[in-house]
Amino acid sequence: MGGSVTRRHAGSDAGGSNRWGWFGAICCLGVALLLIGCGADDRPASTTRARETSATQGHLVIDPAEGDRLAADLGAPAAGDRPEGGQVAAPPVPSATSDDIRALPVSDPLEAAPAAAVPAIGAMVHVGDGGPENFCTASVVHSPNRNLVATAAHCVYSDDFSVGVAFAPGYTHGEMPYGVWVPSRIDVDPRWVADRDPDFDVAFLQVRSPGTDDRIEDVTGAEQIRFDFPAEQSALLVGYPEDQHEPIDCRNRTSAFGDTQLRFDCANFPDGTSGGPMITDIDPANGRGTLIGVIGGYQLGGDELTSYSSYFGAGISALYERACAA
């Protein structure tokens, strides 16, 4: 226990490394100055000036070529290699619905336990030495464009936006049955960028599947999303530990932690579970529900016994609307 503030941190340098040393830094500075002199600010790629400007506004538009390269490096099949219909072969996504939505039973003991992977929840991944490596968790949320994923802001923005990351729904032991989805845009609150305000540790990613016109919500289904709700809710918490490569979950009631945080008491949500969804009102017919939080916020998500989330109030609602409208 001990109130660690690092156990949920992404731990990935996929968005840019600080390990090049002074020589690499000088070389990069020279290249950056050359690009600026050649009008590089008009390019969609993440140039230094463009990314600094985007950061102050709390969003980044990512060059499609970067996403295509990342998907290829992660082993995503090329468009011509996909099964007929353009989708990666995967277990069917339940479409049935039910009106029989009840409060979830509380886990006994209150400890996270291994769980089956589900289509609308998955791992944030980057390229590792032996292939994809998971470092955070995310979930598909309903949006008008059917292309939105929610995670913790600290999973995608630390000192800069992370562009070398992707989402693998239903991820299990390196297998990505619903494909690799790369971000085309990342939205975080400018207050997170400015001073890592734990009340805004939420990010929304517009994602796409390179080589297809698929919309992720049509492929995996999606959780609904709710704002300004009573803090006490029966909920399921899901996350992907970075050293286990399959999900864990736990059921309990959320509670208020001050006016701007949610608290969820359950032990053993370790590194990698940041961004994991807190879900309520789960439909037993399809397993999907309503997102009310993501592991993050206070202490970057909690300690060995308790998880936290920024409360989904007016600020997070505005962030969601901005991400949907972009």
C-alpha atoms as a PDB file:
ATOM      1  CA  MET A   1       0.000   0.000   0.000  1.00  0.00           C
ATOM      2  CA  GLY A   2       1.676   3.233   1.128  1.00  0.00           C
ATOM      3  CA  GLY A   3      -0.139   5.606  -1.261  1.00  0.00           C
ATOM      4  CA  SER A   4       2.117   5.068  -4.257  1.00  0.00           C
ATOM      5  CA  VAL A   5       1.598   7.638  -6.980  1.00  0.00           C
ATOM      6  CA  THR A   6       3.255   5.635  -9.758  1.00  0.00           C
ATOM      7  CA  ARG A   7       1.660   2.210  -9.848  1.00  0.00           C
ATOM      8  CA  ARG A   8      -0.891   3.099 -12.532  1.00  0.00           C
ATOM      9  CA  HIS A   9       1.366   5.278 -14.642  1.00  0.00           C
ATOM     10  CA  ALA A  10       1.602   4.223 -18.266  1.00  0.00           C
ATOM     11  CA  GLY A  11       5.363   3.663 -18.127  1.00  0.00           C
ATOM     12  CA  SER A  12       5.604   3.896 -21.929  1.00  0.00           C
ATOM     13  CA  ASP A  13       7.939   6.174 -23.840  1.00  0.00           C
ATOM     14  CA  ALA A  14       6.014   5.498 -27.052  1.00  0.00           C
ATOM     15  CA  GLY A  15       5.181   9.180 -27.429  1.00  0.00           C
ATOM     16  CA  GLY A  16       8.816  10.250 -27.505  1.00  0.00           C
ATOM     17  CA  SER A  17      12.011   9.237 -25.728  1.00  0.00           C
ATOM     18  CA  ASN A  18      14.287  11.367 -23.547  1.00  0.00           C
ATOM     19  CA  ARG A  19      17.126   8.854 -23.841  1.00  0.00           C
ATOM     20  CA  TRP A  20      18.970  10.163 -26.893  1.00  0.00           C
ATOM     21  CA  GLY A  21      21.352  12.357 -24.927  1.00  0.00           C
ATOM     22  CA  TRP A  22      22.728  15.781 -25.780  1.00  0.00           C
ATOM     23  CA  PHE A  23      24.025  14.841 -29.238  1.00  0.00           C
ATOM     24  CA  GLY A  24      20.646  13.612 -30.436  1.00  0.00           C
ATOM     25  CA  ALA A  25      18.973  16.680 -28.957  1.00  0.00           C
ATOM     26  CA  ILE A  26      21.251  19.018 -30.928  1.00  0.00           C
ATOM     27  CA  CYS A  27      20.601  17.069 -34.134  1.00  0.00           C
ATOM     28  CA  CYS A  28      16.866  17.148 -33.573  1.00  0.00           C
ATOM     29  CA  LEU A  29      16.945  20.881 -32.930  1.00  0.00           C
ATOM     30  CA  GLY A  30      18.743  21.457 -36.193  1.00  0.00           C
ATOM     31  CA  VAL A  31      16.254  19.345 -38.137  1.00  0.00           C
ATOM     32  CA  ALA A  32      13.330  21.085 -36.441  1.00  0.00           C
ATOM     33  CA  LEU A  33      14.687  24.520 -37.385  1.00  0.00           C
ATOM     34  CA  LEU A  34      15.171  23.376 -40.968  1.00  0.00           C
ATOM     35  CA  LEU A  35      11.613  22.067 -41.170  1.00  0.00           C
ATOM     36  CA  ILE A  36      10.186  25.269 -39.731  1.00  0.00           C
ATOM     37  CA  GLY A  37      12.095  27.262 -42.310  1.00  0.00           C
ATOM     38  CA  CYS A  38      10.572  25.081 -45.055  1.00  0.00           C
ATOM     39  CA  GLY A  39       7.002  25.739 -43.952  1.00  0.00           C
ATOM     40  CA  ALA A  40       6.550  22.554 -41.921  1.00  0.00           C
ATOM     41  CA  ASP A  41       3.828  24.168 -39.778  1.00  0.00           C
ATOM     42  CA  ASP A  42       1.329  23.532 -42.600  1.00  0.00           C
ATOM     43  CA  ARG A  43       1.816  19.768 -42.372  1.00  0.00           C
ATOM     44  CA  PRO A  44      -0.514  17.569 -40.320  1.00  0.00           C
ATOM     45  CA  ALA A  45       2.488  15.690 -38.925  1.00  0.00           C
ATOM     46  CA  SER A  46       3.459  16.305 -35.314  1.00  0.00           C
ATOM     47  CA  THR A  47       6.150  18.964 -35.780  1.00  0.00           C
ATOM     48  CA  THR A  48       7.497  20.592 -32.643  1.00  0.00           C
ATOM     49  CA  ARG A  49       5.663  23.890 -33.098  1.00  0.00           C
ATOM     50  CA  ALA A  50       2.409  22.253 -34.184  1.00  0.00           C
ATOM     51  CA  ARG A  51       2.437  19.916 -31.193  1.00  0.00           C
ATOM     52  CA  GLU A  52       3.206  22.719 -28.752  1.00  0.00           C
ATOM     53  CA  THR A  53       0.297  24.753 -30.133  1.00  0.00           C
ATOM     54  CA  SER A  54      -2.012  21.744 -30.044  1.00  0.00           C
ATOM     55  CA  ALA A  55      -1.012  20.963 -26.467  1.00  0.00           C
ATOM     56  CA  THR A  56      -2.099  24.374 -25.191  1.00  0.00           C
ATOM     57  CA  GLN A  57      -5.474  23.761 -26.854  1.00  0.00           C
ATOM     58  CA  GLY A  58      -5.680  20.232 -25.462  1.00  0.00           C
ATOM     59  CA  HIS A  59      -5.811  18.265 -28.700  1.00  0.00           C
ATOM     60  CA  LEU A  60      -3.583  16.747 -31.335  1.00  0.00           C
ATOM     61  CA  VAL A  61      -4.445  15.709 -34.896  1.00  0.00           C
ATOM     62  CA  ILE A  62      -2.175  12.855 -35.979  1.00  0.00           C
ATOM     63  CA  ASP A  63      -0.796  12.406 -39.475  1.00  0.00           C
ATOM     64  CA  PRO A  64      -2.465   9.303 -40.986  1.00  0.00           C
ATOM     65  CA  ALA A  65       0.924   8.105 -42.232  1.00  0.00           C
ATOM     66  CA  GLU A  66       2.130   7.832 -38.623  1.00  0.00           C
ATOM     67  CA  GLY A  67      -0.857   5.665 -37.740  1.00  0.00           C
ATOM     68  CA  ASP A  68      -0.372   3.471 -40.795  1.00  0.00           C
ATOM     69  CA  ARG A  69       3.257   2.851 -39.889  1.00  0.00           C
ATOM     70  CA  LEU A  70       2.342   2.075 -36.292  1.00  0.00           C
ATOM     71  CA  ALA A  71      -0.367  -0.402 -37.316  1.00  0.00           C
ATOM     72  CA  ALA A  72       2.088  -2.167 -39.624  1.00  0.00           C
ATOM     73  CA  ASP A  73       4.708  -2.330 -36.864  1.00  0.00           C
ATOM     74  CA  LEU A  74       2.105  -3.854 -34.529  1.00  0.00           C
ATOM     75  CA  GLY A  75       1.343  -6.570 -37.055  1.00  0.00           C
ATOM     76  CA  ALA A  76      -2.017  -5.340 -38.314  1.00  0.00           C
ATOM     77  CA  PRO A  77      -2.929  -7.053 -41.628  1.00  0.00           C
ATOM     78  CA  ALA A  78      -2.834  -4.968 -44.762  1.00  0.00           C
ATOM     79  CA  ALA A  79      -6.159  -4.130 -46.387  1.00  0.00           C
ATOM     80  CA  GLY A  80      -5.717  -6.833 -49.036  1.00  0.00           C
ATOM     81  CA  ASP A  81      -5.044  -9.467 -46.384  1.00  0.00           C
ATOM     82  CA  ARG A  82      -8.289  -8.928 -44.468  1.00  0.00           C
ATOM     83  CA  PRO A  83     -11.201 -11.359 -44.681  1.00  0.00           C
ATOM     84  CA  GLU A  84     -14.035 -10.481 -47.061  1.00  0.00           C
ATOM     85  CA  GLY A  85     -15.962  -7.544 -45.623  1.00  0.00           C
ATOM     86  CA  GLY A  86     -12.851  -5.736 -44.386  1.00  0.00           C
ATOM     87  CA  GLN A  87     -12.950  -6.854 -40.763  1.00  0.00           C
ATOM     88  CA  VAL A  88     -10.481  -8.947 -38.842  1.00  0.00           C
ATOM     89  CA  ALA A  89     -11.935 -12.332 -37.902  1.00  0.00           C
ATOM     90  CA  ALA A  90     -13.148 -12.119 -34.301  1.00  0.00           C
ATOM     91  CA  PRO A  91     -15.645 -13.635 -31.882  1.00  0.00           C
ATOM     92  CA  PRO A  92     -19.166 -12.332 -32.542  1.00  0.00           C
ATOM     93  CA  VAL A  93     -20.288  -9.230 -30.667  1.00  0.00           C
ATOM     94  CA  PRO A  94     -23.568  -9.752 -28.762  1.00  0.00           C
ATOM     95  CA  SER A  95     -26.396  -7.618 -30.139  1.00  0.00           C
ATOM     96  CA  ALA A  96     -29.254  -8.734 -27.875  1.00  0.00           C
ATOM     97  CA  THR A  97     -30.605  -6.277 -25.313  1.00  0.00           C
ATOM     98  CA  SER A  98     -32.575  -6.684 -22.107  1.00  0.00           C
ATOM     99  CA  ASP A  99     -34.638  -4.516 -19.773  1.00  0.00           C
ATOM    100  CA  ASP A 100     -33.536  -6.621 -16.793  1.00  0.00           C
ATOM    101  CA  ILE A 101     -30.727  -4.393 -15.520  1.00  0.00           C
ATOM    102  CA  ARG A 102     -29.954  -4.952 -11.853  1.00  0.00           C
ATOM    103  CA  ALA A 103     -27.340  -3.832  -9.335  1.00  0.00           C
ATOM    104  CA  LEU A 104     -24.159  -5.888  -9.594  1.00  0.00           C
ATOM    105  CA  PRO A 105     -23.234  -8.227  -6.746  1.00  0.00           C
ATOM    106  CA  VAL A 106     -20.193  -7.059  -4.790  1.00  0.00           C
ATOM    107  CA  SER A 107     -17.047  -9.130  -5.347  1.00  0.00           C
ATOM    108  CA  ASP A 108     -16.105 -11.389  -2.448  1.00  0.00           C
ATOM    109  CA  PRO A 109     -13.289 -11.044  -1.632  1.00  0.00           C
ATOM    110  CA  LEU A 110     -12.805  -7.433  -2.723  1.00  0.00           C
ATOM    111  CA  GLU A 111      -9.885  -8.258  -4.971  1.00  0.00           C
ATOM    112  CA  ALA A 112      -9.468  -7.969  -8.726  1.00  0.00           C
ATOM    113  CA  ALA A 113      -9.675 -11.350 -10.452  1.00  0.00           C
ATOM    114  CA  PRO A 114      -8.987 -12.611 -14.001  1.00  0.00           C
ATOM    115  CA  ALA A 115     -11.852 -11.940 -16.397  1.00  0.00           C
ATOM    116  CA  ALA A 116     -12.801 -12.813 -19.943  1.00  0.00           C
ATOM    117  CA  ALA A 117     -11.922 -10.242 -22.592  1.00  0.00           C
ATOM    118  CA  VAL A 118     -14.875  -8.365 -24.092  1.00  0.00           C
ATOM    119  CA  PRO A 119     -15.036  -6.529 -27.440  1.00  0.00           C
ATOM    120  CA  ALA A 120     -15.629  -2.945 -26.256  1.00  0.00           C
ATOM    121  CA  ILE A 121     -12.781  -2.927 -23.691  1.00  0.00           C
ATOM    122  CA  GLY A 122      -9.141  -3.425 -24.537  1.00  0.00           C
ATOM    123  CA  ALA A 123      -5.515  -2.548 -24.014  1.00  0.00           C
ATOM    124  CA  MET A 124      -3.562   0.484 -25.083  1.00  0.00           C
ATOM    125  CA  VAL A 125      -0.477  -0.925 -26.807  1.00  0.00           C
ATOM    126  CA  HIS A 126       2.806   0.201 -28.292  1.00  0.00           C
ATOM    127  CA  VAL A 127       5.573  -1.549 -30.189  1.00  0.00           C
ATOM    128  CA  GLY A 128       7.842  -3.593 -27.910  1.00  0.00           C
ATOM    129  CA  ASP A 129      10.892  -5.744 -28.499  1.00  0.00           C
ATOM    130  CA  GLY A 130       8.817  -8.857 -29.100  1.00  0.00           C
ATOM    131  CA  GLY A 131       5.704  -7.293 -30.622  1.00  0.00           C
ATOM    132  CA  PRO A 132       2.772  -5.423 -29.045  1.00  0.00           C
ATOM    133  CA  GLU A 133       3.136  -4.467 -25.379  1.00  0.00           C
ATOM    134  CA  ASN A 134       0.176  -3.272 -23.333  1.00  0.00           C
ATOM    135  CA  PHE A 135       0.617  -0.377 -20.927  1.00  0.00           C
ATOM    136  CA  CYS A 136      -2.851   1.122 -20.261  1.00  0.00           C
ATOM    137  CA  THR A 137      -6.534   0.279 -20.679  1.00  0.00           C
ATOM    138  CA  ALA A 138      -9.340   1.927 -22.686  1.00  0.00           C
ATOM    139  CA  SER A 139     -12.952   1.386 -23.726  1.00  0.00           C
ATOM    140  CA  VAL A 140     -15.144   2.229 -26.704  1.00  0.00           C
ATOM    141  CA  VAL A 141     -17.802   4.842 -25.884  1.00  0.00           C
ATOM    142  CA  HIS A 142     -20.837   5.759 -27.927  1.00  0.00           C
ATOM    143  CA  SER A 143     -20.453   8.860 -30.088  1.00  0.00           C
ATOM    144  CA  PRO A 144     -22.217  10.279 -33.172  1.00  0.00           C
ATOM    145  CA  ASN A 145     -19.278   9.306 -35.401  1.00  0.00           C
ATOM    146  CA  ARG A 146     -18.956   5.841 -33.787  1.00  0.00           C
ATOM    147  CA  ASN A 147     -15.173   6.193 -33.530  1.00  0.00           C
ATOM    148  CA  LEU A 148     -14.432   7.230 -29.927  1.00  0.00           C
ATOM    149  CA  VAL A 149     -12.339   5.588 -27.193  1.00  0.00           C
ATOM    150  CA  ALA A 150     -11.945   6.766 -23.576  1.00  0.00           C
ATOM    151  CA  THR A 151      -8.864   6.360 -21.371  1.00  0.00           C
ATOM    152  CA  ALA A 152      -6.877   8.310 -18.770  1.00  0.00           C
ATOM    153  CA  ALA A 153      -5.167  11.504 -19.873  1.00  0.00           C
ATOM    154  CA  HIS A 154      -1.896  10.395 -18.287  1.00  0.00           C
ATOM    155  CA  CYS A 155      -1.869   7.404 -20.655  1.00  0.00           C
ATOM    156  CA  VAL A 156      -1.581   9.675 -23.708  1.00  0.00           C
ATOM    157  CA  TYR A 157      -0.157  12.944 -22.418  1.00  0.00           C
ATOM    158  CA  SER A 158       2.716  13.339 -19.978  1.00  0.00           C
ATOM    159  CA  ASP A 159       5.262  15.929 -21.099  1.00  0.00           C
ATOM    160  CA  ASP A 160       3.901  15.672 -24.628  1.00  0.00           C
ATOM    161  CA  PHE A 161       1.264  13.793 -26.597  1.00  0.00           C
ATOM    162  CA  SER A 162       2.000  10.116 -27.177  1.00  0.00           C
ATOM    163  CA  VAL A 163       1.537   9.287 -30.852  1.00  0.00           C
ATOM    164  CA  GLY A 164       3.134   5.828 -30.945  1.00  0.00           C
ATOM    165  CA  VAL A 165       0.176   4.163 -29.226  1.00  0.00           C
ATOM    166  CA  ALA A 166      -2.826   2.204 -30.434  1.00  0.00           C
ATOM    167  CA  PHE A 167      -5.947   0.524 -29.058  1.00  0.00           C
ATOM    168  CA  ALA A 168      -6.513  -3.241 -29.245  1.00  0.00           C
ATOM    169  CA  PRO A 169     -10.106  -4.088 -28.236  1.00  0.00           C
ATOM    170  CA  GLY A 170     -10.572  -7.549 -26.767  1.00  0.00           C
ATOM    171  CA  TYR A 171      -6.799  -7.907 -26.377  1.00  0.00           C
ATOM    172  CA  THR A 172      -5.608 -11.251 -24.966  1.00  0.00           C
ATOM    173  CA  HIS A 173      -1.983 -12.421 -24.736  1.00  0.00           C
ATOM    174  CA  GLY A 174      -0.815 -10.493 -27.765  1.00  0.00           C
ATOM    175  CA  GLU A 175      -3.845 -11.423 -29.870  1.00  0.00           C
ATOM    176  CA  MET A 176      -5.889  -8.519 -31.250  1.00  0.00           C
ATOM    177  CA  PRO A 177      -9.084 -10.172 -32.519  1.00  0.00           C
ATOM    178  CA  TYR A 178     -10.860  -6.915 -33.409  1.00  0.00           C
ATOM    179  CA  GLY A 179      -7.843  -5.343 -35.051  1.00  0.00           C
ATOM    180  CA  VAL A 180      -5.488  -2.468 -34.305  1.00  0.00           C
ATOM    181  CA  TRP A 181      -7.088   0.975 -34.013  1.00  0.00           C
ATOM    182  CA  VAL A 182      -4.775   3.959 -34.235  1.00  0.00           C
ATOM    183  CA  PRO A 183      -5.690   7.447 -33.022  1.00  0.00           C
ATOM    184  CA  SER A 184      -6.385  10.136 -35.590  1.00  0.00           C
ATOM    185  CA  ARG A 185      -7.016  12.753 -32.901  1.00  0.00           C
ATOM    186  CA  ILE A 186      -6.434  12.930 -29.128  1.00  0.00           C
ATOM    187  CA  ASP A 187      -8.418  15.286 -26.870  1.00  0.00           C
ATOM    188  CA  VAL A 188      -7.483  16.167 -23.288  1.00  0.00           C
ATOM    189  CA  ASP A 189      -8.510  19.106 -21.132  1.00  0.00           C
ATOM    190  CA  PRO A 190      -6.041  22.041 -21.304  1.00  0.00           C
ATOM    191  CA  ARG A 191      -6.034  22.026 -17.488  1.00  0.00           C
ATOM    192  CA  TRP A 192      -4.451  18.589 -17.606  1.00  0.00           C
ATOM    193  CA  VAL A 193      -1.804  19.875 -20.006  1.00  0.00           C
ATOM    194  CA  ALA A 194      -1.099  22.956 -17.882  1.00  0.00           C
ATOM    195  CA  ASP A 195      -0.565  21.375 -14.474  1.00  0.00           C
ATOM    196  CA  ARG A 196      -1.742  17.716 -14.526  1.00  0.00           C
ATOM    197  CA  ASP A 197      -4.937  18.627 -12.666  1.00  0.00           C
ATOM    198  CA  PRO A 198      -6.218  15.246 -11.354  1.00  0.00           C
ATOM    199  CA  ASP A 199      -9.816  16.393 -11.855  1.00  0.00           C
ATOM    200  CA  PHE A 200      -9.243  16.183 -15.622  1.00  0.00           C
ATOM    201  CA  ASP A 201      -7.323  12.922 -15.995  1.00  0.00           C
ATOM    202  CA  VAL A 202      -9.509  11.762 -18.899  1.00  0.00           C
ATOM    203  CA  ALA A 203      -8.803  11.547 -22.632  1.00  0.00           C
ATOM    204  CA  PHE A 204     -10.897  10.791 -25.678  1.00  0.00           C
ATOM    205  CA  LEU A 205      -9.323   9.339 -28.825  1.00  0.00           C
ATOM    206  CA  GLN A 206     -10.834   9.293 -32.269  1.00  0.00           C
ATOM    207  CA  VAL A 207      -9.599   6.041 -33.795  1.00  0.00           C
ATOM    208  CA  ARG A 208      -9.500   4.360 -37.179  1.00  0.00           C
ATOM    209  CA  SER A 209      -8.566   0.989 -38.617  1.00  0.00           C
ATOM    210  CA  PRO A 210      -5.904   1.501 -41.321  1.00  0.00           C
ATOM    211  CA  GLY A 211      -6.881   0.099 -44.688  1.00  0.00           C
ATOM    212  CA  THR A 212     -10.628   0.085 -43.942  1.00  0.00           C
ATOM    213  CA  ASP A 213     -13.573   2.441 -43.546  1.00  0.00           C
ATOM    214  CA  ASP A 214     -14.748   0.573 -40.442  1.00  0.00           C
ATOM    215  CA  ARG A 215     -16.093   2.436 -37.427  1.00  0.00           C
ATOM    216  CA  ILE A 216     -15.012   0.854 -34.161  1.00  0.00           C
ATOM    217  CA  GLU A 217     -18.461   1.081 -32.577  1.00  0.00           C
ATOM    218  CA  ASP A 218     -19.882  -0.973 -35.468  1.00  0.00           C
ATOM    219  CA  VAL A 219     -17.191  -3.630 -34.930  1.00  0.00           C
ATOM    220  CA  THR A 220     -17.068  -3.919 -31.120  1.00  0.00           C
ATOM    221  CA  GLY A 221     -20.189  -2.240 -29.777  1.00  0.00           C
ATOM    222  CA  ALA A 222     -19.791   0.576 -27.254  1.00  0.00           C
ATOM    223  CA  GLU A 223     -20.472   1.613 -23.702  1.00  0.00           C
ATOM    224  CA  GLN A 224     -22.823   4.539 -23.175  1.00  0.00           C
ATOM    225  CA  ILE A 225     -21.468   7.504 -21.180  1.00  0.00           C
ATOM    226  CA  ARG A 226     -23.071   9.429 -18.326  1.00  0.00           C
ATOM    227  CA  PHE A 227     -22.360  12.779 -16.682  1.00  0.00           C
ATOM    228  CA  ASP A 228     -23.461  14.530 -13.465  1.00  0.00           C
ATOM    229  CA  PHE A 229     -24.675  11.328 -11.804  1.00  0.00           C
ATOM    230  CA  PRO A 230     -24.986  10.449  -8.092  1.00  0.00           C
ATOM    231  CA  ALA A 231     -21.585   9.328  -6.817  1.00  0.00           C
ATOM    232  CA  GLU A 232     -22.838   6.094  -5.270  1.00  0.00           C
ATOM    233  CA  GLN A 233     -23.261   3.561  -8.068  1.00  0.00           C
ATOM    234  CA  SER A 234     -23.039  -0.206  -8.416  1.00  0.00           C
ATOM    235  CA  ALA A 235     -20.155  -0.623 -10.842  1.00  0.00           C
ATOM    236  CA  LEU A 236     -17.725  -2.953 -12.571  1.00  0.00           C
ATOM    237  CA  LEU A 237     -14.062  -1.944 -12.817  1.00  0.00           C
ATOM    238  CA  VAL A 238     -11.907  -3.481 -15.563  1.00  0.00           C
ATOM    239  CA  GLY A 239      -8.211  -3.150 -16.351  1.00  0.00           C
ATOM    240  CA  TYR A 240      -5.289  -4.768 -18.170  1.00  0.00           C
ATOM    241  CA  PRO A 241      -2.225  -5.265 -15.933  1.00  0.00           C
ATOM    242  CA  GLU A 242       0.870  -4.627 -18.019  1.00  0.00           C
ATOM    243  CA  ASP A 243       2.496  -7.907 -16.956  1.00  0.00           C
ATOM    244  CA  GLN A 244      -0.531 -10.197 -17.414  1.00  0.00           C
ATOM    245  CA  HIS A 245      -1.847  -9.419 -20.921  1.00  0.00           C
ATOM    246  CA  GLU A 246      -5.443 -10.316 -20.055  1.00  0.00           C
ATOM    247  CA  PRO A 247      -8.103  -8.323 -18.190  1.00  0.00           C
ATOM    248  CA  ILE A 248      -8.995  -8.360 -14.526  1.00  0.00           C
ATOM    249  CA  ASP A 249     -12.188  -7.002 -12.996  1.00  0.00           C
ATOM    250  CA  CYS A 250     -13.964  -6.320  -9.699  1.00  0.00           C
ATOM    251  CA  ARG A 251     -17.484  -5.277  -8.619  1.00  0.00           C
ATOM    252  CA  ASN A 252     -18.311  -2.807  -5.863  1.00  0.00           C
ATOM    253  CA  ARG A 253     -20.091   0.487  -5.231  1.00  0.00           C
ATOM    254  CA  THR A 254     -18.438   3.764  -6.105  1.00  0.00           C
ATOM    255  CA  SER A 255     -18.449   6.666  -3.651  1.00  0.00           C
ATOM    256  CA  ALA A 256     -17.521  10.342  -3.661  1.00  0.00           C
ATOM    257  CA  PHE A 257     -13.947  11.341  -2.856  1.00  0.00           C
ATOM    258  CA  GLY A 258     -14.410  15.058  -2.394  1.00  0.00           C
ATOM    259  CA  ASP A 259     -16.496  16.859  -4.999  1.00  0.00           C
ATOM    260  CA  THR A 260     -14.436  15.986  -8.047  1.00  0.00           C
ATOM    261  CA  GLN A 261     -13.299  12.359  -7.694  1.00  0.00           C
ATOM    262  CA  LEU A 262     -14.887   8.915  -7.622  1.00  0.00           C
ATOM    263  CA  ARG A 263     -13.583   6.206  -5.307  1.00  0.00           C
ATOM    264  CA  PHE A 264     -13.744   2.445  -5.888  1.00  0.00           C
ATOM    265  CA  ASP A 265     -12.453   0.145  -3.149  1.00  0.00           C
ATOM    266  CA  CYS A 266     -11.019  -3.116  -4.461  1.00  0.00           C
ATOM    267  CA  ALA A 267      -7.495  -4.485  -4.119  1.00  0.00           C
ATOM    268  CA  ASN A 268      -4.899  -5.413  -6.717  1.00  0.00           C
ATOM    269  CA  PHE A 269      -5.349  -3.134  -9.705  1.00  0.00           C
ATOM    270  CA  PRO A 270      -1.650  -2.775 -10.680  1.00  0.00           C
ATOM    271  CA  ASP A 271       0.366  -0.972 -13.364  1.00  0.00           C
ATOM    272  CA  GLY A 272      -1.344  -1.033 -16.754  1.00  0.00           C
ATOM    273  CA  THR A 273      -4.881  -0.663 -15.453  1.00  0.00           C
ATOM    274  CA  SER A 274      -4.867   3.137 -15.858  1.00  0.00           C
ATOM    275  CA  GLY A 275      -7.729   4.199 -18.085  1.00  0.00           C
ATOM    276  CA  GLY A 276      -9.736   1.112 -17.188  1.00  0.00           C
ATOM    277  CA  PRO A 277     -13.483   1.749 -17.274  1.00  0.00           C
ATOM    278  CA  MET A 278     -15.883   2.033 -14.334  1.00  0.00           C
ATOM    279  CA  ILE A 279     -19.140   0.743 -15.790  1.00  0.00           C
ATOM    280  CA  THR A 280     -22.658   0.752 -14.348  1.00  0.00           C
ATOM    281  CA  ASP A 281     -26.131  -0.309 -15.590  1.00  0.00           C
ATOM    282  CA  ILE A 282     -24.750  -3.365 -17.359  1.00  0.00           C
ATOM    283  CA  ASP A 283     -27.118  -5.145 -19.720  1.00  0.00           C
ATOM    284  CA  PRO A 284     -26.883  -8.891 -18.953  1.00  0.00           C
ATOM    285  CA  ALA A 285     -27.793  -9.750 -22.542  1.00  0.00           C
ATOM    286  CA  ASN A 286     -24.723  -8.146 -24.092  1.00  0.00           C
ATOM    287  CA  GLY A 287     -22.399  -7.214 -21.214  1.00  0.00           C
ATOM    288  CA  ARG A 288     -22.265  -3.530 -22.118  1.00  0.00           C
ATOM    289  CA  GLY A 289     -23.230  -0.676 -19.823  1.00  0.00           C
ATOM    290  CA  THR A 290     -22.590   2.977 -19.057  1.00  0.00           C
ATOM    291  CA  LEU A 291     -19.173   4.524 -18.486  1.00  0.00           C
ATOM    292  CA  ILE A 292     -18.975   6.746 -15.385  1.00  0.00           C
ATOM    293  CA  GLY A 293     -15.216   6.880 -14.859  1.00  0.00           C
ATOM    294  CA  VAL A 294     -11.750   5.689 -15.866  1.00  0.00           C
ATOM    295  CA  ILE A 295      -8.915   4.717 -13.523  1.00  0.00           C
ATOM    296  CA  GLY A 296      -6.919   7.887 -13.031  1.00  0.00           C
ATOM    297  CA  GLY A 297      -7.259  11.197 -11.239  1.00  0.00           C
ATOM    298  CA  TYR A 298      -6.088  11.237  -7.621  1.00  0.00           C
ATOM    299  CA  GLN A 299      -2.674   9.555  -7.259  1.00  0.00           C
ATOM    300  CA  LEU A 300      -2.829   8.770 -11.011  1.00  0.00           C
ATOM    301  CA  GLY A 301      -5.522   6.217 -10.187  1.00  0.00           C
ATOM    302  CA  GLY A 302      -4.928   5.015  -6.632  1.00  0.00           C
ATOM    303  CA  ASP A 303      -2.965   2.559  -4.549  1.00  0.00           C
ATOM    304  CA  GLU A 304      -3.051  -1.166  -3.834  1.00  0.00           C
ATOM    305  CA  LEU A 305      -6.507  -1.066  -2.215  1.00  0.00           C
ATOM    306  CA  THR A 306      -8.398   1.791  -3.865  1.00  0.00           C
ATOM    307  CA  SER A 307      -8.906   3.121  -7.382  1.00  0.00           C
ATOM    308  CA  TYR A 308     -10.008   6.625  -8.315  1.00  0.00           C
ATOM    309  CA  SER A 309     -11.439   8.461 -11.301  1.00  0.00           C
ATOM    310  CA  SER A 310     -11.974  12.085 -12.169  1.00  0.00           C
ATOM    311  CA  TYR A 311     -15.704  12.697 -11.702  1.00  0.00           C
ATOM    312  CA  PHE A 312     -17.569  12.978 -14.997  1.00  0.00           C
ATOM    313  CA  GLY A 313     -19.053  16.431 -14.417  1.00  0.00           C
ATOM    314  CA  ALA A 314     -19.369  19.518 -16.589  1.00  0.00           C
ATOM    315  CA  GLY A 315     -15.670  19.663 -17.508  1.00  0.00           C
ATOM    316  CA  ILE A 316     -15.467  16.079 -18.757  1.00  0.00           C
ATOM    317  CA  SER A 317     -18.832  16.486 -20.508  1.00  0.00           C
ATOM    318  CA  ALA A 318     -17.453  19.495 -22.397  1.00  0.00           C
ATOM    319  CA  LEU A 319     -14.343  17.514 -23.334  1.00  0.00           C
ATOM    320  CA  TYR A 320     -16.503  14.674 -24.664  1.00  0.00           C
ATOM    321  CA  GLU A 321     -18.614  17.104 -26.709  1.00  0.00           C
ATOM    322  CA  ARG A 322     -15.474  18.687 -28.158  1.00  0.00           C
ATOM    323  CA  ALA A 323     -14.102  15.285 -29.122  1.00  0.00           C
ATOM    324  CA  CYS A 324     -17.403  14.333 -30.753  1.00  0.00           C
ATOM    325  CA  ALA A 325     -17.658  17.580 -32.696  1.00  0.00           C
ATOM    326  CA  ALA A 326     -14.116  17.588 -34.074  1.00  0.00           C
END
